[in-house]
N, C-alpha and C. Protein backbone atom coordinates (compact mmCIF):
# COMPACT_ATOMS: atom_id res chain seq x y z
N MET A 1 122.60 120.94 77.30
CA MET A 1 121.58 120.07 77.83
C MET A 1 120.22 120.50 77.28
N ALA A 2 119.44 119.52 76.83
CA ALA A 2 118.12 119.81 76.25
C ALA A 2 117.13 120.15 77.36
N PRO A 3 116.19 121.07 77.08
CA PRO A 3 115.18 121.40 78.10
C PRO A 3 114.27 120.21 78.37
N LYS A 4 113.82 120.12 79.61
CA LYS A 4 112.92 119.03 79.97
C LYS A 4 111.54 119.27 79.37
N LYS A 5 110.88 118.18 78.98
CA LYS A 5 109.52 118.26 78.50
C LYS A 5 108.60 118.48 79.71
N ALA A 6 107.42 119.04 79.47
CA ALA A 6 106.46 119.28 80.55
C ALA A 6 106.13 117.97 81.26
N GLN A 7 106.05 116.88 80.50
CA GLN A 7 105.72 115.59 81.10
C GLN A 7 106.78 115.18 82.11
N ASP A 8 108.03 115.51 81.86
CA ASP A 8 109.12 115.12 82.75
C ASP A 8 109.04 115.82 84.10
N VAL A 9 108.50 117.02 84.14
CA VAL A 9 108.48 117.78 85.39
C VAL A 9 107.13 117.74 86.09
N THR A 10 106.15 117.07 85.48
CA THR A 10 104.84 116.98 86.08
C THR A 10 104.78 115.80 87.03
N ASP A 11 104.42 116.05 88.26
CA ASP A 11 104.20 114.99 89.22
C ASP A 11 102.86 114.36 88.90
N THR A 12 102.88 113.09 88.53
CA THR A 12 101.66 112.43 88.07
C THR A 12 100.59 112.38 89.15
N GLN A 13 100.97 112.11 90.37
CA GLN A 13 99.98 112.07 91.45
C GLN A 13 99.34 113.44 91.64
N SER A 14 100.12 114.49 91.53
CA SER A 14 99.57 115.85 91.63
C SER A 14 98.60 116.12 90.49
N ALA A 15 98.92 115.61 89.30
CA ALA A 15 98.04 115.79 88.15
C ALA A 15 96.70 115.10 88.40
N VAL A 16 96.75 113.91 88.96
CA VAL A 16 95.52 113.18 89.28
C VAL A 16 94.70 113.95 90.31
N GLU A 17 95.34 114.43 91.34
CA GLU A 17 94.64 115.17 92.39
C GLU A 17 94.05 116.47 91.86
N GLU A 18 94.79 117.16 91.00
CA GLU A 18 94.29 118.41 90.43
C GLU A 18 93.08 118.15 89.53
N LEU A 19 93.17 117.11 88.71
CA LEU A 19 92.04 116.77 87.84
C LEU A 19 90.83 116.36 88.67
N ARG A 20 91.04 115.54 89.70
CA ARG A 20 89.94 115.10 90.56
C ARG A 20 89.26 116.31 91.21
N ALA A 21 90.04 117.25 91.70
CA ALA A 21 89.48 118.45 92.35
C ALA A 21 88.70 119.30 91.34
N ALA A 22 89.24 119.45 90.15
CA ALA A 22 88.55 120.25 89.13
C ALA A 22 87.24 119.60 88.72
N LEU A 23 87.25 118.29 88.55
CA LEU A 23 86.02 117.58 88.20
C LEU A 23 85.00 117.66 89.34
N ASP A 24 85.48 117.56 90.56
CA ASP A 24 84.60 117.64 91.73
C ASP A 24 83.90 119.00 91.78
N ARG A 25 84.62 120.07 91.43
CA ARG A 25 84.03 121.41 91.45
C ARG A 25 82.87 121.55 90.48
N VAL A 26 82.87 120.74 89.42
CA VAL A 26 81.77 120.83 88.45
C VAL A 26 80.82 119.64 88.55
N GLY A 27 80.96 118.88 89.64
CA GLY A 27 80.02 117.80 89.91
C GLY A 27 80.22 116.53 89.11
N VAL A 28 81.43 116.29 88.65
CA VAL A 28 81.71 115.08 87.88
C VAL A 28 82.69 114.22 88.68
N VAL A 29 82.34 112.95 88.84
CA VAL A 29 83.19 112.01 89.56
C VAL A 29 83.59 110.89 88.61
N LEU A 30 84.89 110.70 88.45
CA LEU A 30 85.41 109.56 87.70
C LEU A 30 85.97 108.58 88.73
N PRO A 31 85.19 107.55 89.10
CA PRO A 31 85.60 106.66 90.18
C PRO A 31 86.93 105.96 89.95
N SER A 32 87.29 105.72 88.71
CA SER A 32 88.52 104.97 88.42
C SER A 32 89.72 105.87 88.16
N LEU A 33 89.59 107.16 88.37
CA LEU A 33 90.69 108.09 88.13
C LEU A 33 91.86 107.75 89.04
N ARG A 34 93.03 107.46 88.43
CA ARG A 34 94.21 107.06 89.21
C ARG A 34 95.44 107.07 88.33
N LEU A 35 96.58 106.84 88.94
CA LEU A 35 97.81 106.64 88.19
C LEU A 35 97.68 105.34 87.43
N ASP A 36 98.28 105.25 86.26
CA ASP A 36 98.29 104.01 85.50
C ASP A 36 99.45 103.16 86.01
N PRO A 37 99.15 102.09 86.77
CA PRO A 37 100.23 101.30 87.36
C PRO A 37 101.02 100.48 86.35
N ALA A 38 100.48 100.29 85.16
CA ALA A 38 101.16 99.47 84.16
C ALA A 38 102.28 100.20 83.43
N SER A 39 102.33 101.51 83.56
CA SER A 39 103.34 102.25 82.80
C SER A 39 103.87 103.44 83.60
N PRO A 40 104.50 103.20 84.73
CA PRO A 40 104.96 104.32 85.57
C PRO A 40 105.95 105.24 84.87
N GLY A 41 106.75 104.72 83.97
CA GLY A 41 107.72 105.54 83.26
C GLY A 41 107.10 106.53 82.29
N LEU A 42 105.89 106.24 81.85
CA LEU A 42 105.20 107.12 80.90
C LEU A 42 104.38 108.20 81.59
N GLN A 43 104.20 108.09 82.89
CA GLN A 43 103.42 109.05 83.67
C GLN A 43 102.00 109.19 83.13
N LEU A 44 101.34 108.06 82.86
CA LEU A 44 99.98 108.08 82.35
C LEU A 44 98.98 108.13 83.49
N VAL A 45 97.85 108.77 83.20
CA VAL A 45 96.74 108.86 84.15
C VAL A 45 95.61 108.01 83.59
N GLU A 46 95.11 107.10 84.42
CA GLU A 46 94.00 106.24 84.04
C GLU A 46 92.70 106.96 84.37
N LEU A 47 91.89 107.26 83.35
CA LEU A 47 90.62 107.94 83.58
C LEU A 47 89.52 106.94 83.90
N GLY A 48 89.64 105.73 83.41
CA GLY A 48 88.69 104.67 83.73
C GLY A 48 87.39 104.76 82.95
N ARG A 49 86.48 103.90 83.34
CA ARG A 49 85.17 103.84 82.69
C ARG A 49 84.14 104.58 83.54
N VAL A 50 83.12 105.13 82.88
CA VAL A 50 82.06 105.83 83.58
C VAL A 50 80.71 105.46 82.97
N ARG A 51 79.66 105.69 83.74
CA ARG A 51 78.31 105.48 83.23
C ARG A 51 78.03 106.54 82.16
N ALA A 52 77.05 106.26 81.32
CA ALA A 52 76.69 107.17 80.24
C ALA A 52 76.28 108.54 80.76
N ASP A 53 75.55 108.60 81.89
CA ASP A 53 75.11 109.89 82.41
C ASP A 53 76.30 110.74 82.86
N VAL A 54 77.34 110.10 83.38
CA VAL A 54 78.53 110.84 83.78
C VAL A 54 79.26 111.36 82.55
N ALA A 55 79.32 110.54 81.51
CA ALA A 55 79.96 110.97 80.26
C ALA A 55 79.24 112.18 79.67
N VAL A 56 77.93 112.17 79.71
CA VAL A 56 77.14 113.30 79.20
C VAL A 56 77.39 114.54 80.05
N ARG A 57 77.41 114.38 81.38
CA ARG A 57 77.68 115.51 82.27
C ARG A 57 79.05 116.11 82.00
N LEU A 58 80.05 115.24 81.81
CA LEU A 58 81.40 115.71 81.51
C LEU A 58 81.43 116.45 80.18
N ALA A 59 80.76 115.92 79.18
CA ALA A 59 80.71 116.59 77.88
C ALA A 59 80.06 117.96 77.98
N ARG A 60 79.00 118.05 78.76
CA ARG A 60 78.30 119.34 78.93
C ARG A 60 79.19 120.35 79.64
N VAL A 61 79.93 119.89 80.63
CA VAL A 61 80.85 120.79 81.34
C VAL A 61 81.91 121.29 80.38
N LEU A 62 82.45 120.39 79.58
CA LEU A 62 83.48 120.79 78.62
C LEU A 62 82.95 121.75 77.57
N HIS A 63 81.68 121.58 77.23
CA HIS A 63 81.05 122.48 76.25
C HIS A 63 80.54 123.77 76.90
N GLY A 64 80.56 123.82 78.22
CA GLY A 64 80.08 125.01 78.92
C GLY A 64 78.57 125.08 79.02
N THR A 65 77.91 123.93 78.97
CA THR A 65 76.44 123.91 79.01
C THR A 65 75.96 123.08 80.18
N ARG A 66 76.53 123.31 81.36
CA ARG A 66 76.11 122.56 82.55
C ARG A 66 74.64 122.79 82.83
N GLU A 67 74.02 121.78 83.39
CA GLU A 67 72.61 121.90 83.79
C GLU A 67 72.53 122.47 85.17
């Protein structure tokens, strides 16, 4: 039997909740963050659209240059 891929064992809702909590800790809110209802078999997470200031804040957090 072939080993399961990480995607197969990841609970998508848990992934959304973990990402939301991590973003919240750094002051970034993605209002549209949710499960992708159009493709449940693929376990996709919908990040959604954000304002430009949120995108800049997220980029700064990822770069380690938070204000």
